[in-house]
Amino acid sequence: MTKNKALHTEENDINLGGCSMTSVMNVIGGKWKVIILFHLRDNTLRFGELKKRIPKITQKMLTQQLRELEADGLVSREVYAEVPPKVEYSSTGLSDELRPILDMLCEWGQRQRRQKP
């Protein structure tokens, strides 16, 4: 069980101030997870393709974030028995529930960029 999964109980939410947003941020918080989920929302991508779409993320950080997202059930990882091994990442039904939120965040960001001088 990941440390994130340990925080997904109502009892732990109450212990952390009664706010379920704490659980949300433990799963999708940070600099990269929402960006990764955004890129996977309509796509099945290999690691290298994700890395190209997010050029500022390091390989180590992308690996770590994908593992955490997979452990939390937001990303599916499929390994094909080939040489060299082929691994594809895609969104899950659980992460698809975040689609409206990701769309709203994207729209908000676009409005903010247009408003800046």
N, C-alpha and C. Protein backbone atom coordinates (compact mmCIF):
# COMPACT_ATOMS: atom_id res chain seq x y z
N MET A 1 0.85 -1.17 0.00
CA MET A 1 0.00 0.00 0.00
C MET A 1 0.90 1.24 0.00
N THR A 2 0.58 2.21 -0.87
CA THR A 2 1.38 3.43 -0.91
C THR A 2 0.97 4.35 0.23
N LYS A 3 1.82 5.32 0.50
CA LYS A 3 1.47 6.28 1.55
C LYS A 3 0.22 7.05 1.16
N ASN A 4 0.01 7.25 -0.15
CA ASN A 4 -1.18 7.95 -0.60
C ASN A 4 -2.44 7.16 -0.29
N LYS A 5 -2.42 5.86 -0.52
CA LYS A 5 -3.59 5.04 -0.26
C LYS A 5 -3.95 5.04 1.22
N ALA A 6 -2.95 5.19 2.08
CA ALA A 6 -3.22 5.22 3.51
C ALA A 6 -4.03 6.45 3.90
N LEU A 7 -4.02 7.48 3.07
CA LEU A 7 -4.74 8.71 3.39
C LEU A 7 -6.14 8.74 2.80
N HIS A 8 -6.57 7.67 2.16
CA HIS A 8 -7.85 7.68 1.47
C HIS A 8 -8.99 7.17 2.31
N THR A 9 -8.95 7.36 3.58
CA THR A 9 -10.05 6.92 4.42
C THR A 9 -10.70 8.12 5.07
N GLU A 10 -11.96 7.99 5.37
CA GLU A 10 -12.68 9.08 6.01
C GLU A 10 -12.04 9.41 7.36
N GLU A 11 -11.62 8.39 8.08
CA GLU A 11 -11.00 8.61 9.39
C GLU A 11 -9.74 9.46 9.25
N ASN A 12 -8.92 9.16 8.26
CA ASN A 12 -7.71 9.95 8.06
C ASN A 12 -8.03 11.35 7.59
N ASP A 13 -9.09 11.54 6.77
CA ASP A 13 -9.49 12.88 6.37
C ASP A 13 -9.85 13.71 7.59
N ILE A 14 -10.58 13.08 8.53
CA ILE A 14 -10.96 13.80 9.75
C ILE A 14 -9.71 14.15 10.55
N ASN A 15 -8.77 13.22 10.65
CA ASN A 15 -7.54 13.48 11.38
C ASN A 15 -6.70 14.58 10.74
N LEU A 16 -6.88 14.80 9.44
CA LEU A 16 -6.12 15.83 8.74
C LEU A 16 -6.91 17.12 8.59
N GLY A 17 -7.87 17.33 9.44
CA GLY A 17 -8.61 18.58 9.42
C GLY A 17 -9.98 18.45 8.77
N GLY A 18 -10.41 17.26 8.45
CA GLY A 18 -11.75 17.05 7.92
C GLY A 18 -11.92 17.44 6.47
N CYS A 19 -10.85 17.70 5.75
CA CYS A 19 -10.95 18.15 4.38
C CYS A 19 -10.52 17.04 3.42
N SER A 20 -11.44 16.62 2.57
CA SER A 20 -11.09 15.58 1.61
C SER A 20 -10.14 16.09 0.54
N MET A 21 -9.98 17.41 0.44
CA MET A 21 -9.02 17.97 -0.51
C MET A 21 -7.61 17.50 -0.19
N THR A 22 -7.33 17.21 1.06
CA THR A 22 -6.02 16.68 1.43
C THR A 22 -5.76 15.37 0.71
N SER A 23 -6.77 14.50 0.67
CA SER A 23 -6.62 13.23 -0.04
C SER A 23 -6.42 13.45 -1.53
N VAL A 24 -7.16 14.38 -2.09
CA VAL A 24 -7.03 14.69 -3.52
C VAL A 24 -5.61 15.15 -3.83
N MET A 25 -5.11 16.07 -3.04
CA MET A 25 -3.78 16.63 -3.31
C MET A 25 -2.68 15.60 -3.08
N ASN A 26 -2.91 14.65 -2.20
CA ASN A 26 -1.94 13.58 -2.02
C ASN A 26 -1.85 12.67 -3.24
N VAL A 27 -2.92 12.60 -4.00
CA VAL A 27 -2.94 11.73 -5.18
C VAL A 27 -2.51 12.48 -6.44
N ILE A 28 -3.02 13.70 -6.65
CA ILE A 28 -2.72 14.40 -7.91
C ILE A 28 -1.92 15.67 -7.71
N GLY A 29 -1.51 15.95 -6.49
CA GLY A 29 -0.76 17.17 -6.22
C GLY A 29 0.66 17.11 -6.75
N GLY A 30 1.30 18.23 -6.73
CA GLY A 30 2.67 18.32 -7.20
C GLY A 30 2.74 18.96 -8.57
N LYS A 31 3.93 19.09 -9.06
CA LYS A 31 4.17 19.81 -10.30
C LYS A 31 3.79 19.03 -11.55
N TRP A 32 3.90 17.71 -11.53
CA TRP A 32 3.83 16.94 -12.77
C TRP A 32 2.61 16.06 -12.97
N LYS A 33 1.96 15.61 -11.91
CA LYS A 33 0.91 14.61 -12.06
C LYS A 33 -0.26 15.08 -12.92
N VAL A 34 -0.73 16.29 -12.71
CA VAL A 34 -1.85 16.79 -13.50
C VAL A 34 -1.44 16.93 -14.96
N ILE A 35 -0.21 17.33 -15.21
CA ILE A 35 0.28 17.46 -16.58
C ILE A 35 0.33 16.09 -17.25
N ILE A 36 0.82 15.09 -16.54
CA ILE A 36 0.86 13.73 -17.07
C ILE A 36 -0.56 13.24 -17.38
N LEU A 37 -1.47 13.44 -16.44
CA LEU A 37 -2.85 13.01 -16.66
C LEU A 37 -3.48 13.74 -17.84
N PHE A 38 -3.16 15.01 -18.00
CA PHE A 38 -3.68 15.78 -19.14
C PHE A 38 -3.22 15.16 -20.46
N HIS A 39 -1.96 14.79 -20.56
CA HIS A 39 -1.45 14.21 -21.80
C HIS A 39 -1.98 12.80 -22.06
N LEU A 40 -2.34 12.09 -21.02
CA LEU A 40 -2.85 10.72 -21.19
C LEU A 40 -4.37 10.66 -21.35
N ARG A 41 -5.04 11.77 -21.19
CA ARG A 41 -6.51 11.73 -21.17
C ARG A 41 -7.12 11.26 -22.47
N ASP A 42 -6.51 11.49 -23.61
CA ASP A 42 -7.04 11.02 -24.89
C ASP A 42 -6.06 10.11 -25.61
N ASN A 43 -4.98 9.74 -24.94
CA ASN A 43 -3.90 9.05 -25.61
C ASN A 43 -3.38 7.87 -24.81
N THR A 44 -2.87 6.89 -25.54
CA THR A 44 -2.03 5.86 -24.96
C THR A 44 -0.64 6.18 -25.46
N LEU A 45 0.28 6.41 -24.52
CA LEU A 45 1.62 6.88 -24.88
C LEU A 45 2.70 6.00 -24.28
N ARG A 46 3.78 5.89 -25.01
CA ARG A 46 4.97 5.24 -24.48
C ARG A 46 5.74 6.27 -23.65
N PHE A 47 6.65 5.76 -22.83
CA PHE A 47 7.42 6.62 -21.93
C PHE A 47 8.10 7.75 -22.70
N GLY A 48 8.78 7.40 -23.78
CA GLY A 48 9.50 8.40 -24.57
C GLY A 48 8.60 9.47 -25.15
N GLU A 49 7.38 9.08 -25.55
CA GLU A 49 6.43 10.05 -26.08
C GLU A 49 5.98 11.02 -24.99
N LEU A 50 5.75 10.49 -23.79
CA LEU A 50 5.40 11.36 -22.66
C LEU A 50 6.54 12.32 -22.35
N LYS A 51 7.75 11.80 -22.35
CA LYS A 51 8.93 12.63 -22.06
C LYS A 51 9.05 13.76 -23.07
N LYS A 52 8.79 13.49 -24.34
CA LYS A 52 8.84 14.53 -25.37
C LYS A 52 7.78 15.60 -25.17
N ARG A 53 6.61 15.18 -24.69
CA ARG A 53 5.52 16.13 -24.46
C ARG A 53 5.74 16.98 -23.21
N ILE A 54 6.57 16.48 -22.31
CA ILE A 54 6.85 17.20 -21.06
C ILE A 54 8.37 17.34 -20.96
N PRO A 55 8.98 18.18 -21.78
CA PRO A 55 10.44 18.21 -21.89
C PRO A 55 11.18 18.62 -20.61
N LYS A 56 10.53 19.36 -19.73
CA LYS A 56 11.24 19.83 -18.52
C LYS A 56 11.28 18.81 -17.39
N ILE A 57 10.54 17.72 -17.53
CA ILE A 57 10.55 16.69 -16.48
C ILE A 57 11.75 15.78 -16.70
N THR A 58 12.38 15.38 -15.60
CA THR A 58 13.50 14.44 -15.73
C THR A 58 12.96 13.03 -15.89
N GLN A 59 13.79 12.16 -16.42
CA GLN A 59 13.39 10.77 -16.60
C GLN A 59 13.06 10.13 -15.26
N LYS A 60 13.87 10.42 -14.26
CA LYS A 60 13.65 9.87 -12.92
C LYS A 60 12.30 10.33 -12.35
N MET A 61 12.01 11.61 -12.51
CA MET A 61 10.76 12.15 -11.97
C MET A 61 9.55 11.59 -12.73
N LEU A 62 9.66 11.47 -14.05
CA LEU A 62 8.56 10.91 -14.83
C LEU A 62 8.29 9.47 -14.40
N THR A 63 9.35 8.70 -14.23
CA THR A 63 9.20 7.32 -13.77
C THR A 63 8.50 7.28 -12.41
N GLN A 64 8.95 8.11 -11.49
CA GLN A 64 8.38 8.14 -10.14
C GLN A 64 6.91 8.54 -10.17
N GLN A 65 6.59 9.58 -10.92
CA GLN A 65 5.22 10.06 -10.97
C GLN A 65 4.29 9.03 -11.63
N LEU A 66 4.76 8.38 -12.69
CA LEU A 66 3.96 7.34 -13.34
C LEU A 66 3.71 6.18 -12.39
N ARG A 67 4.71 5.78 -11.63
CA ARG A 67 4.54 4.69 -10.65
C ARG A 67 3.50 5.05 -9.60
N GLU A 68 3.57 6.29 -9.10
CA GLU A 68 2.61 6.72 -8.09
C GLU A 68 1.20 6.79 -8.67
N LEU A 69 1.06 7.32 -9.88
CA LEU A 69 -0.25 7.39 -10.51
C LEU A 69 -0.81 5.99 -10.77
N GLU A 70 0.05 5.06 -11.15
CA GLU A 70 -0.37 3.68 -11.36
C GLU A 70 -0.80 3.05 -10.04
N ALA A 71 -0.03 3.26 -8.99
CA ALA A 71 -0.36 2.71 -7.67
C ALA A 71 -1.69 3.25 -7.15
N ASP A 72 -2.01 4.48 -7.53
CA ASP A 72 -3.27 5.09 -7.09
C ASP A 72 -4.42 4.81 -8.05
N GLY A 73 -4.17 4.03 -9.09
CA GLY A 73 -5.24 3.62 -9.99
C GLY A 73 -5.62 4.63 -11.05
N LEU A 74 -4.80 5.65 -11.27
CA LEU A 74 -5.12 6.68 -12.25
C LEU A 74 -4.49 6.43 -13.61
N VAL A 75 -3.46 5.61 -13.65
CA VAL A 75 -2.75 5.31 -14.89
C VAL A 75 -2.62 3.79 -15.01
N SER A 76 -2.83 3.32 -16.22
CA SER A 76 -2.64 1.90 -16.53
C SER A 76 -1.33 1.74 -17.29
N ARG A 77 -0.57 0.72 -16.93
CA ARG A 77 0.71 0.44 -17.56
C ARG A 77 0.62 -0.93 -18.20
N GLU A 78 0.85 -0.99 -19.51
CA GLU A 78 0.80 -2.26 -20.22
C GLU A 78 2.17 -2.55 -20.80
N VAL A 79 2.70 -3.73 -20.45
CA VAL A 79 4.02 -4.15 -20.93
C VAL A 79 3.81 -5.23 -21.98
N TYR A 80 4.45 -5.05 -23.13
CA TYR A 80 4.37 -6.02 -24.22
C TYR A 80 5.65 -6.83 -24.24
N ALA A 81 5.52 -8.13 -24.44
CA ALA A 81 6.68 -9.04 -24.45
C ALA A 81 7.40 -8.93 -25.79
N GLU A 82 8.18 -7.89 -25.92
CA GLU A 82 8.97 -7.64 -27.12
C GLU A 82 10.40 -7.32 -26.71
N VAL A 83 11.29 -7.35 -27.68
CA VAL A 83 12.66 -6.92 -27.43
C VAL A 83 12.97 -5.81 -28.42
N PRO A 84 13.25 -4.60 -27.95
CA PRO A 84 13.22 -4.17 -26.55
C PRO A 84 11.78 -4.11 -26.04
N PRO A 85 11.62 -4.16 -24.72
CA PRO A 85 10.27 -4.16 -24.15
C PRO A 85 9.52 -2.90 -24.55
N LYS A 86 8.25 -3.07 -24.83
CA LYS A 86 7.38 -1.95 -25.17
C LYS A 86 6.43 -1.76 -24.00
N VAL A 87 6.37 -0.53 -23.47
CA VAL A 87 5.50 -0.22 -22.36
C VAL A 87 4.64 0.97 -22.76
N GLU A 88 3.33 0.84 -22.56
CA GLU A 88 2.41 1.92 -22.87
C GLU A 88 1.64 2.33 -21.62
N TYR A 89 1.37 3.63 -21.53
CA TYR A 89 0.62 4.19 -20.42
C TYR A 89 -0.67 4.79 -20.95
N SER A 90 -1.74 4.62 -20.18
CA SER A 90 -3.02 5.20 -20.57
C SER A 90 -3.80 5.57 -19.31
N SER A 91 -4.81 6.39 -19.51
CA SER A 91 -5.65 6.77 -18.38
C SER A 91 -6.60 5.64 -18.04
N THR A 92 -7.08 5.64 -16.82
CA THR A 92 -8.04 4.64 -16.36
C THR A 92 -9.40 5.31 -16.21
N GLY A 93 -10.40 4.52 -15.93
CA GLY A 93 -11.73 5.07 -15.67
C GLY A 93 -11.72 6.06 -14.52
N LEU A 94 -10.91 5.77 -13.52
CA LEU A 94 -10.82 6.67 -12.36
C LEU A 94 -10.26 8.03 -12.78
N SER A 95 -9.21 8.03 -13.60
CA SER A 95 -8.65 9.32 -14.03
C SER A 95 -9.57 10.00 -15.04
N ASP A 96 -10.36 9.23 -15.78
CA ASP A 96 -11.32 9.84 -16.70
C ASP A 96 -12.36 10.68 -15.96
N GLU A 97 -12.60 10.34 -14.70
CA GLU A 97 -13.51 11.15 -13.88
C GLU A 97 -12.96 12.55 -13.65
N LEU A 98 -11.65 12.70 -13.78
CA LEU A 98 -11.01 14.00 -13.59
C LEU A 98 -11.06 14.87 -14.86
N ARG A 99 -11.49 14.30 -15.97
CA ARG A 99 -11.49 15.02 -17.25
C ARG A 99 -12.15 16.40 -17.17
N PRO A 100 -13.37 16.53 -16.62
CA PRO A 100 -13.98 17.87 -16.57
C PRO A 100 -13.14 18.86 -15.77
N ILE A 101 -12.51 18.38 -14.73
CA ILE A 101 -11.68 19.24 -13.90
C ILE A 101 -10.43 19.67 -14.67
N LEU A 102 -9.79 18.71 -15.36
CA LEU A 102 -8.61 19.03 -16.17
C LEU A 102 -8.97 20.01 -17.27
N ASP A 103 -10.12 19.82 -17.90
CA ASP A 103 -10.56 20.74 -18.95
C ASP A 103 -10.76 22.15 -18.39
N MET A 104 -11.38 22.25 -17.21
CA MET A 104 -11.60 23.57 -16.59
C MET A 104 -10.27 24.22 -16.23
N LEU A 105 -9.33 23.45 -15.71
CA LEU A 105 -8.02 24.01 -15.38
C LEU A 105 -7.30 24.50 -16.63
N CYS A 106 -7.41 23.75 -17.71
CA CYS A 106 -6.78 24.14 -18.97
C CYS A 106 -7.40 25.44 -19.49
N GLU A 107 -8.72 25.52 -19.47
CA GLU A 107 -9.41 26.73 -19.92
C GLU A 107 -9.04 27.92 -19.05
N TRP A 108 -8.97 27.73 -17.75
CA TRP A 108 -8.59 28.79 -16.84
C TRP A 108 -7.17 29.28 -17.16
N GLY A 109 -6.26 28.34 -17.39
CA GLY A 109 -4.88 28.70 -17.73
C GLY A 109 -4.80 29.48 -19.03
N GLN A 110 -5.60 29.09 -20.02
CA GLN A 110 -5.61 29.82 -21.28
C GLN A 110 -6.11 31.24 -21.09
N ARG A 111 -7.15 31.42 -20.29
CA ARG A 111 -7.66 32.78 -20.01
C ARG A 111 -6.61 33.61 -19.30
N GLN A 112 -5.89 33.00 -18.35
CA GLN A 112 -4.86 33.74 -17.61
C GLN A 112 -3.74 34.17 -18.53
N ARG A 113 -3.34 33.31 -19.45
CA ARG A 113 -2.27 33.65 -20.40
C ARG A 113 -2.68 34.80 -21.30
N ARG A 114 -3.94 34.80 -21.73
CA ARG A 114 -4.43 35.88 -22.61
C ARG A 114 -4.51 37.21 -21.87
N GLN A 115 -4.77 37.18 -20.56
CA GLN A 115 -4.93 38.39 -19.78
C GLN A 115 -3.61 39.04 -19.39
N LYS A 116 -2.53 38.29 -19.45
CA LYS A 116 -1.23 38.86 -19.06
C LYS A 116 -0.74 39.79 -20.16
N PRO A 117 -0.15 40.93 -19.76
CA PRO A 117 0.34 41.91 -20.76
C PRO A 117 1.53 41.39 -21.54
